[in-house]
C-alpha atoms as a PDB file:
ATOM      1  CA  GLY A   1      60.502 -39.564 -34.136  1.00  0.00           C
ATOM      2  CA  VAL A   2      61.812 -38.548 -37.418  1.00  0.00           C
ATOM      3  CA  THR A   3      62.765 -41.392 -39.614  1.00  0.00           C
ATOM      4  CA  GLY A   4      63.905 -39.586 -42.791  1.00  0.00           C
ATOM      5  CA  ALA A   5      64.381 -36.225 -44.367  1.00  0.00           C
ATOM      6  CA  LEU A   6      64.426 -34.384 -47.812  1.00  0.00           C
ATOM      7  CA  ILE A   7      67.430 -32.020 -48.235  1.00  0.00           C
ATOM      8  CA  VAL A   8      66.406 -29.461 -50.936  1.00  0.00           C
ATOM      9  CA  GLN A   9      69.495 -28.032 -52.546  1.00  0.00           C
ATOM     10  CA  PRO A  10      69.642 -24.154 -51.154  1.00  0.00           C
ATOM     11  CA  ILE A  11      69.934 -21.446 -53.763  1.00  0.00           C
ATOM     12  CA  ASN A  12      73.013 -20.280 -51.699  1.00  0.00           C
ATOM     13  CA  HIS A  13      75.103 -23.020 -53.045  1.00  0.00           C
ATOM     14  CA  LYS A  14      73.516 -22.629 -56.587  1.00  0.00           C
ATOM     15  CA  TYR A  15      74.223 -25.707 -58.793  1.00  0.00           C
ATOM     16  CA  ASP A  16      77.169 -27.118 -56.689  1.00  0.00           C
ATOM     17  CA  HIS A  17      75.663 -30.077 -55.060  1.00  0.00           C
ATOM     18  CA  SER A  18      78.718 -31.311 -53.450  1.00  0.00           C
ATOM     19  CA  TYR A  19      77.493 -30.520 -49.876  1.00  0.00           C
ATOM     20  CA  THR A  20      74.190 -32.247 -50.418  1.00  0.00           C
ATOM     21  CA  ASP A  21      75.993 -35.159 -52.201  1.00  0.00           C
ATOM     22  CA  LEU A  22      78.046 -35.720 -49.115  1.00  0.00           C
ATOM     23  CA  ALA A  23      75.019 -35.703 -46.692  1.00  0.00           C
ATOM     24  CA  LEU A  24      73.305 -38.391 -49.087  1.00  0.00           C
ATOM     25  CA  LYS A  25      76.520 -40.441 -49.278  1.00  0.00           C
ATOM     26  CA  THR A  26      76.944 -40.301 -45.454  1.00  0.00           C
ATOM     27  CA  TYR A  27      73.539 -40.974 -44.416  1.00  0.00           C
ATOM     28  CA  PRO A  28      71.967 -42.928 -47.286  1.00  0.00           C
ATOM     29  CA  ASN A  29      69.287 -44.555 -45.161  1.00  0.00           C
ATOM     30  CA  PHE A  30      68.020 -41.285 -43.865  1.00  0.00           C
ATOM     31  CA  PHE A  31      68.404 -38.434 -46.323  1.00  0.00           C
ATOM     32  CA  ARG A  32      67.221 -37.983 -49.862  1.00  0.00           C
ATOM     33  CA  GLY A  33      67.657 -35.098 -51.992  1.00  0.00           C
ATOM     34  CA  MET A  34      66.224 -32.613 -54.246  1.00  0.00           C
ATOM     35  CA  GLY A  35      68.478 -30.860 -56.646  1.00  0.00           C
ATOM     36  CA  LEU A  36      68.332 -27.471 -58.244  1.00  0.00           C
ATOM     37  CA  ILE A  37      68.283 -27.117 -62.115  1.00  0.00           C
ATOM     38  CA  ASP A  38      70.414 -24.658 -63.854  1.00  0.00           C
ATOM     39  CA  PRO A  39      67.938 -23.174 -66.544  1.00  0.00           C
ATOM     40  CA  SER A  40      70.800 -21.808 -68.680  1.00  0.00           C
ATOM     41  CA  LEU A  41      71.862 -25.391 -69.624  1.00  0.00           C
ATOM     42  CA  SER A  42      70.576 -26.923 -73.142  1.00  0.00           C
ATOM     43  CA  PRO A  43      67.918 -29.666 -72.747  1.00  0.00           C
ATOM     44  CA  GLU A  44      70.378 -32.346 -73.350  1.00  0.00           C
ATOM     45  CA  ASP A  45      72.844 -31.217 -70.702  1.00  0.00           C
ATOM     46  CA  ALA A  46      70.090 -30.537 -68.214  1.00  0.00           C
ATOM     47  CA  VAL A  47      68.559 -33.877 -68.693  1.00  0.00           C
ATOM     48  CA  SER A  48      72.200 -35.381 -68.103  1.00  0.00           C
ATOM     49  CA  VAL A  49      72.270 -33.529 -64.850  1.00  0.00           C
ATOM     50  CA  VAL A  50      68.804 -35.114 -63.756  1.00  0.00           C
ATOM     51  CA  ASN A  51      70.142 -38.389 -64.591  1.00  0.00           C
ATOM     52  CA  THR A  52      73.202 -37.905 -62.593  1.00  0.00           C
ATOM     53  CA  LEU A  53      71.341 -36.631 -59.493  1.00  0.00           C
ATOM     54  CA  HIS A  54      69.041 -39.737 -59.919  1.00  0.00           C
ATOM     55  CA  SER A  55      71.951 -42.009 -59.647  1.00  0.00           C
ATOM     56  CA  ARG A  56      73.206 -40.176 -56.534  1.00  0.00           C
ATOM     57  CA  GLY A  57      69.922 -40.812 -54.540  1.00  0.00           C
ATOM     58  CA  TYR A  58      68.050 -37.547 -55.510  1.00  0.00           C
ATOM     59  CA  VAL A  59      64.305 -38.017 -55.824  1.00  0.00           C
ATOM     60  CA  GLY A  60      63.446 -34.720 -57.265  1.00  0.00           C
ATOM     61  CA  VAL A  61      64.542 -31.302 -58.528  1.00  0.00           C
ATOM     62  CA  ARG A  62      63.444 -27.897 -58.019  1.00  0.00           C
ATOM     63  CA  PHE A  63      62.656 -25.036 -60.677  1.00  0.00           C
ATOM     64  CA  ASN A  64      63.391 -21.807 -59.473  1.00  0.00           C
ATOM     65  CA  ALA A  65      60.797 -19.843 -61.356  1.00  0.00           C
ATOM     66  CA  GLY A  66      62.618 -16.564 -60.958  1.00  0.00           C
ATOM     67  CA  ALA A  67      65.939 -17.880 -62.413  1.00  0.00           C
ATOM     68  CA  PHE A  68      63.873 -19.663 -65.361  1.00  0.00           C
ATOM     69  CA  SER A  69      62.124 -16.218 -66.172  1.00  0.00           C
ATOM     70  CA  GLU A  70      65.530 -15.177 -67.679  1.00  0.00           C
ATOM     71  CA  TYR A  71      65.542 -18.278 -70.130  1.00  0.00           C
ATOM     72  CA  GLY A  72      62.002 -18.548 -71.340  1.00  0.00           C
ATOM     73  CA  GLY A  73      60.211 -19.608 -68.207  1.00  0.00           C
ATOM     74  CA  VAL A  74      59.628 -22.877 -66.746  1.00  0.00           C
ATOM     75  CA  ALA A  75      58.134 -24.261 -69.910  1.00  0.00           C
ATOM     76  CA  SER A  76      61.168 -23.506 -71.735  1.00  0.00           C
ATOM     77  CA  PRO A  77      62.645 -26.286 -73.924  1.00  0.00           C
ATOM     78  CA  THR A  78      64.973 -27.131 -70.967  1.00  0.00           C
ATOM     79  CA  GLY A  79      62.169 -27.002 -68.513  1.00  0.00           C
ATOM     80  CA  ARG A  80      60.009 -29.232 -70.673  1.00  0.00           C
ATOM     81  CA  ALA A  81      62.860 -31.563 -71.166  1.00  0.00           C
ATOM     82  CA  VAL A  82      63.632 -31.808 -67.565  1.00  0.00           C
ATOM     83  CA  TYR A  83      60.108 -32.050 -66.352  1.00  0.00           C
ATOM     84  CA  SER A  84      59.343 -34.939 -68.800  1.00  0.00           C
ATOM     85  CA  ARG A  85      62.685 -36.987 -67.720  1.00  0.00           C
ATOM     86  CA  CYS A  86      61.797 -36.391 -64.099  1.00  0.00           C
ATOM     87  CA  GLY A  87      58.300 -38.247 -64.935  1.00  0.00           C
ATOM     88  CA  GLU A  88      60.194 -41.082 -66.372  1.00  0.00           C
ATOM     89  CA  LEU A  89      62.499 -41.627 -63.721  1.00  0.00           C
ATOM     90  CA  GLY A  90      59.754 -41.272 -60.965  1.00  0.00           C
ATOM     91  CA  MET A  91      61.256 -37.959 -59.645  1.00  0.00           C
ATOM     92  CA  VAL A  92      59.163 -34.990 -58.548  1.00  0.00           C
ATOM     93  CA  VAL A  93      59.540 -31.539 -59.649  1.00  0.00           C
ATOM     94  CA  GLY A  94      59.263 -28.400 -56.883  1.00  0.00           C
ATOM     95  CA  LEU A  95      58.405 -25.207 -58.066  1.00  0.00           C
ATOM     96  CA  MET A  96      59.562 -22.403 -56.020  1.00  0.00           C
ATOM     97  CA  ALA A  97      57.914 -19.088 -57.225  1.00  0.00           C
ATOM     98  CA  PHE A  98      59.413 -16.545 -54.782  1.00  0.00           C
ATOM     99  CA  GLY A  99      57.787 -13.659 -56.577  1.00  0.00           C
ATOM    100  CA  GLY A 100      54.401 -15.371 -56.674  1.00  0.00           C
ATOM    101  CA  LEU A 101      52.820 -18.080 -58.801  1.00  0.00           C
ATOM    102  CA  PRO A 102      50.553 -16.021 -60.948  1.00  0.00           C
ATOM    103  CA  PRO A 103      53.104 -14.903 -63.674  1.00  0.00           C
ATOM    104  CA  HIS A 104      54.166 -18.654 -64.273  1.00  0.00           C
ATOM    105  CA  LEU A 105      50.734 -20.355 -64.143  1.00  0.00           C
ATOM    106  CA  GLY A 106      50.373 -20.462 -68.075  1.00  0.00           C
ATOM    107  CA  ALA A 107      53.880 -22.171 -68.162  1.00  0.00           C
ATOM    108  CA  VAL A 108      52.922 -24.548 -65.401  1.00  0.00           C
ATOM    109  CA  ARG A 109      49.847 -25.674 -67.102  1.00  0.00           C
ATOM    110  CA  VAL A 110      51.828 -26.450 -70.158  1.00  0.00           C
ATOM    111  CA  LEU A 111      53.988 -28.652 -68.005  1.00  0.00           C
ATOM    112  CA  LEU A 112      51.122 -30.354 -66.451  1.00  0.00           C
ATOM    113  CA  SER A 113      49.514 -31.198 -69.615  1.00  0.00           C
ATOM    114  CA  SER A 114      52.487 -32.148 -71.608  1.00  0.00           C
ATOM    115  CA  SER A 115      53.822 -34.481 -68.942  1.00  0.00           C
ATOM    116  CA  PRO A 116      50.864 -35.699 -66.786  1.00  0.00           C
ATOM    117  CA  LYS A 117      53.036 -38.595 -65.169  1.00  0.00           C
ATOM    118  CA  THR A 118      55.448 -36.051 -63.328  1.00  0.00           C
ATOM    119  CA  LYS A 119      54.519 -34.945 -59.970  1.00  0.00           C
ATOM    120  CA  LEU A 120      54.560 -31.303 -59.111  1.00  0.00           C
ATOM    121  CA  VAL A 121      55.259 -29.922 -55.680  1.00  0.00           C
ATOM    122  CA  VAL A 122      54.244 -26.310 -55.344  1.00  0.00           C
ATOM    123  CA  ASP A 123      56.624 -24.778 -52.541  1.00  0.00           C
ATOM    124  CA  HIS A 124      55.645 -22.633 -49.678  1.00  0.00           C
ATOM    125  CA  PHE A 125      51.780 -22.258 -49.966  1.00  0.00           C
ATOM    126  CA  GLY A 126      52.607 -20.950 -53.483  1.00  0.00           C
ATOM    127  CA  PHE A 127      53.872 -17.703 -51.835  1.00  0.00           C
ATOM    128  CA  PHE A 128      50.503 -16.031 -52.062  1.00  0.00           C
ATOM    129  CA  ARG A 129      51.702 -13.370 -49.736  1.00  0.00           C
ATOM    130  CA  GLN A 130      54.047 -10.718 -51.287  1.00  0.00           C
ATOM    131  CA  PRO A 131      56.640  -9.912 -50.929  1.00  0.00           C
ATOM    132  CA  ALA A 132      57.854 -13.007 -49.433  1.00  0.00           C
ATOM    133  CA  THR A 133      60.776 -11.693 -47.354  1.00  0.00           C
ATOM    134  CA  GLY A 134      59.496 -13.139 -44.267  1.00  0.00           C
ATOM    135  CA  GLY A 135      58.408 -11.515 -40.839  1.00  0.00           C
ATOM    136  CA  LEU A 136      56.284  -8.656 -42.695  1.00  0.00           C
ATOM    137  CA  LEU A 137      53.682  -8.642 -40.309  1.00  0.00           C
ATOM    138  CA  GLY A 138      50.060  -6.997 -40.570  1.00  0.00           C
ATOM    139  CA  ASP A 139      49.846  -4.702 -43.613  1.00  0.00           C
ATOM    140  CA  SER A 140      53.629  -4.720 -44.447  1.00  0.00           C
ATOM    141  CA  ALA A 141      52.958  -7.300 -46.987  1.00  0.00           C
ATOM    142  CA  SER A 142      49.654  -8.475 -48.746  1.00  0.00           C
ATOM    143  CA  ASN A 143      47.738 -11.581 -49.436  1.00  0.00           C
ATOM    144  CA  ASP A 144      46.843 -12.172 -53.132  1.00  0.00           C
ATOM    145  CA  GLU A 145      43.691 -13.724 -52.781  1.00  0.00           C
ATOM    146  CA  ASP A 146      43.284 -14.092 -56.691  1.00  0.00           C
ATOM    147  CA  ALA A 147      46.609 -16.222 -56.581  1.00  0.00           C
ATOM    148  CA  TRP A 148      45.416 -18.094 -53.462  1.00  0.00           C
ATOM    149  CA  LYS A 149      42.072 -19.278 -55.644  1.00  0.00           C
ATOM    150  CA  GLU A 150      44.483 -20.423 -58.440  1.00  0.00           C
ATOM    151  CA  ILE A 151      46.614 -22.394 -56.052  1.00  0.00           C
ATOM    152  CA  VAL A 152      43.735 -23.890 -54.625  1.00  0.00           C
ATOM    153  CA  GLY A 153      42.278 -24.676 -58.075  1.00  0.00           C
ATOM    154  CA  LEU A 154      45.491 -26.586 -59.281  1.00  0.00           C
ATOM    155  CA  SER A 155      44.050 -29.393 -57.226  1.00  0.00           C
ATOM    156  CA  ALA A 156      42.118 -30.215 -60.450  1.00  0.00           C
ATOM    157  CA  TYR A 157      45.312 -31.723 -61.603  1.00  0.00           C
ATOM    158  CA  PRO A 158      45.809 -34.896 -59.476  1.00  0.00           C
ATOM    159  CA  GLN A 159      49.558 -34.789 -60.019  1.00  0.00           C
ATOM    160  CA  VAL A 160      49.945 -31.473 -58.069  1.00  0.00           C
ATOM    161  CA  TYR A 161      50.897 -31.374 -54.478  1.00  0.00           C
ATOM    162  CA  ILE A 162      51.268 -28.357 -52.159  1.00  0.00           C
ATOM    163  CA  LYS A 163      54.159 -27.793 -49.700  1.00  0.00           C
ATOM    164  CA  VAL A 164      52.733 -26.487 -46.209  1.00  0.00           C
ATOM    165  CA  SER A 165      56.056 -24.596 -45.434  1.00  0.00           C
ATOM    166  CA  ALA A 166      57.833 -21.220 -45.075  1.00  0.00           C
ATOM    167  CA  LEU A 167      55.044 -20.205 -42.492  1.00  0.00           C
ATOM    168  CA  PHE A 168      57.082 -17.164 -41.576  1.00  0.00           C
ATOM    169  CA  ARG A 169      56.975 -16.020 -45.184  1.00  0.00           C
ATOM    170  CA  THR A 170      53.149 -16.410 -45.792  1.00  0.00           C
ATOM    171  CA  SER A 171      51.852 -15.341 -42.326  1.00  0.00           C
ATOM    172  CA  ALA A 172      50.890 -11.826 -41.260  1.00  0.00           C
ATOM    173  CA  GLU A 173      51.218 -12.723 -37.789  1.00  0.00           C
ATOM    174  CA  ALA A 174      53.986 -13.937 -35.348  1.00  0.00           C
ATOM    175  CA  PRO A 175      54.354 -17.594 -34.289  1.00  0.00           C
ATOM    176  CA  PRO A 176      52.162 -19.839 -33.996  1.00  0.00           C
ATOM    177  CA  PHE A 177      50.826 -18.068 -37.432  1.00  0.00           C
ATOM    178  CA  SER A 178      47.228 -18.639 -36.395  1.00  0.00           C
ATOM    179  CA  ASP A 179      45.901 -16.783 -39.558  1.00  0.00           C
ATOM    180  CA  LEU A 180      47.323 -19.681 -41.598  1.00  0.00           C
ATOM    181  CA  ALA A 181      44.871 -22.030 -40.093  1.00  0.00           C
ATOM    182  CA  SER A 182      42.098 -21.261 -42.507  1.00  0.00           C
ATOM    183  CA  ARG A 183      44.488 -21.709 -45.423  1.00  0.00           C
ATOM    184  CA  VAL A 184      45.522 -25.069 -44.280  1.00  0.00           C
ATOM    185  CA  ALA A 185      41.837 -25.975 -44.072  1.00  0.00           C
ATOM    186  CA  ASP A 186      41.361 -24.816 -47.737  1.00  0.00           C
ATOM    187  CA  LEU A 187      44.050 -27.006 -48.969  1.00  0.00           C
ATOM    188  CA  LEU A 188      42.812 -29.981 -46.883  1.00  0.00           C
ATOM    189  CA  ALA A 189      39.394 -29.602 -48.475  1.00  0.00           C
ATOM    190  CA  ALA A 190      40.957 -29.170 -51.999  1.00  0.00           C
ATOM    191  CA  TYR A 191      43.720 -31.614 -52.001  1.00  0.00           C
ATOM    192  CA  GLY A 192      43.375 -33.977 -49.202  1.00  0.00           C
ATOM    193  CA  ALA A 193      45.962 -34.711 -46.652  1.00  0.00           C
ATOM    194  CA  ASP A 194      47.878 -37.170 -48.906  1.00  0.00           C
ATOM    195  CA  ARG A 195      48.685 -34.254 -51.418  1.00  0.00           C
ATOM    196  CA  LEU A 196      49.890 -31.929 -48.617  1.00  0.00           C
ATOM    197  CA  LEU A 197      53.691 -31.945 -47.711  1.00  0.00           C
ATOM    198  CA  TRP A 198      55.193 -30.401 -44.666  1.00  0.00           C
ATOM    199  CA  GLY A 199      58.659 -28.521 -44.490  1.00  0.00           C
ATOM    200  CA  SER A 200      60.119 -27.019 -41.643  1.00  0.00           C
ATOM    201  CA  ASP A 201      62.554 -24.745 -43.590  1.00  0.00           C
ATOM    202  CA  PHE A 202      64.787 -25.063 -40.302  1.00  0.00           C
ATOM    203  CA  PRO A 203      67.297 -23.430 -39.898  1.00  0.00           C
ATOM    204  CA  PHE A 204      66.353 -20.959 -42.467  1.00  0.00           C
ATOM    205  CA  CYS A 205      63.576 -19.408 -40.431  1.00  0.00           C
ATOM    206  CA  THR A 206      64.923 -15.801 -39.954  1.00  0.00           C
ATOM    207  CA  THR A 207      61.877 -13.826 -39.856  1.00  0.00           C
ATOM    208  CA  GLY A 208      62.518 -10.103 -40.569  1.00  0.00           C
ATOM    209  CA  GLY A 209      65.388 -10.753 -42.744  1.00  0.00           C
ATOM    210  CA  GLN A 210      68.161 -13.070 -43.907  1.00  0.00           C
ATOM    211  CA  SER A 211      70.305 -12.749 -40.557  1.00  0.00           C
ATOM    212  CA  VAL A 212      69.300 -14.440 -37.144  1.00  0.00           C
ATOM    213  CA  THR A 213      67.132 -11.821 -35.289  1.00  0.00           C
ATOM    214  CA  SER A 214      65.374 -11.689 -32.032  1.00  0.00           C
ATOM    215  CA  VAL A 215      62.201 -12.939 -33.774  1.00  0.00           C
ATOM    216  CA  ALA A 216      63.971 -15.906 -35.640  1.00  0.00           C
ATOM    217  CA  GLN A 217      61.968 -19.061 -35.046  1.00  0.00           C
ATOM    218  CA  THR A 218      62.872 -21.831 -32.706  1.00  0.00           C
ATOM    219  CA  TYR A 219      62.800 -25.516 -33.979  1.00  0.00           C
ATOM    220  CA  GLU A 220      59.598 -26.196 -32.107  1.00  0.00           C
ATOM    221  CA  GLN A 221      57.900 -23.128 -33.763  1.00  0.00           C
ATOM    222  CA  ALA A 222      59.251 -24.243 -37.105  1.00  0.00           C
ATOM    223  CA  VAL A 223      57.822 -27.726 -36.834  1.00  0.00           C
ATOM    224  CA  ALA A 224      54.217 -26.690 -35.816  1.00  0.00           C
ATOM    225  CA  VAL A 225      51.427 -26.503 -38.511  1.00  0.00           C
ATOM    226  CA  PRO A 226      48.518 -24.116 -37.643  1.00  0.00           C
ATOM    227  CA  THR A 227      45.098 -25.906 -37.272  1.00  0.00           C
END
């Protein structure tokens, strides 16, 4: 059975971590947390937030790349300070680039080179399929193969990990998302199993939109990995 789980602070709650805090406090032996960094903060204030989250049982923080774009990108002074501090504390940084990874690759490489001790988790297959609304089958969205090559190529950095998740956002098919089997195989060959992380995204598996529809995934579909 499941012996533990990571709660990633949902963007819906923005930077109010009180709900996640309560879950960690209530079930300290089961849950760990990944906080969300406010890119508008000064480097000093952002590092203070990281220190506080760490003291509350959080094991990582997420960079929402789109939000960071308004403040100089993920390698802004705040981004670099947080990224470095996470490495010092043994916390990981998750990168969610909902609009695709390519616009952020230069900044990502700056972070990787400047703070090699920090582990980076690229969320949701790197969102190589755009737009990433979810449930866009067939030609209603497109796979960026150049972006995919870059995602696979980041395996050259041993501190980079990939999250095999958001299947409903990265597949051109309905469950069981068989077209992603070759992508999983690519990642296994490049990263190895130890550098791939699985995430169910449950209950946020509303293929076709933000509300629950007839094509929303069941839990059983959400936990399956195409092979």
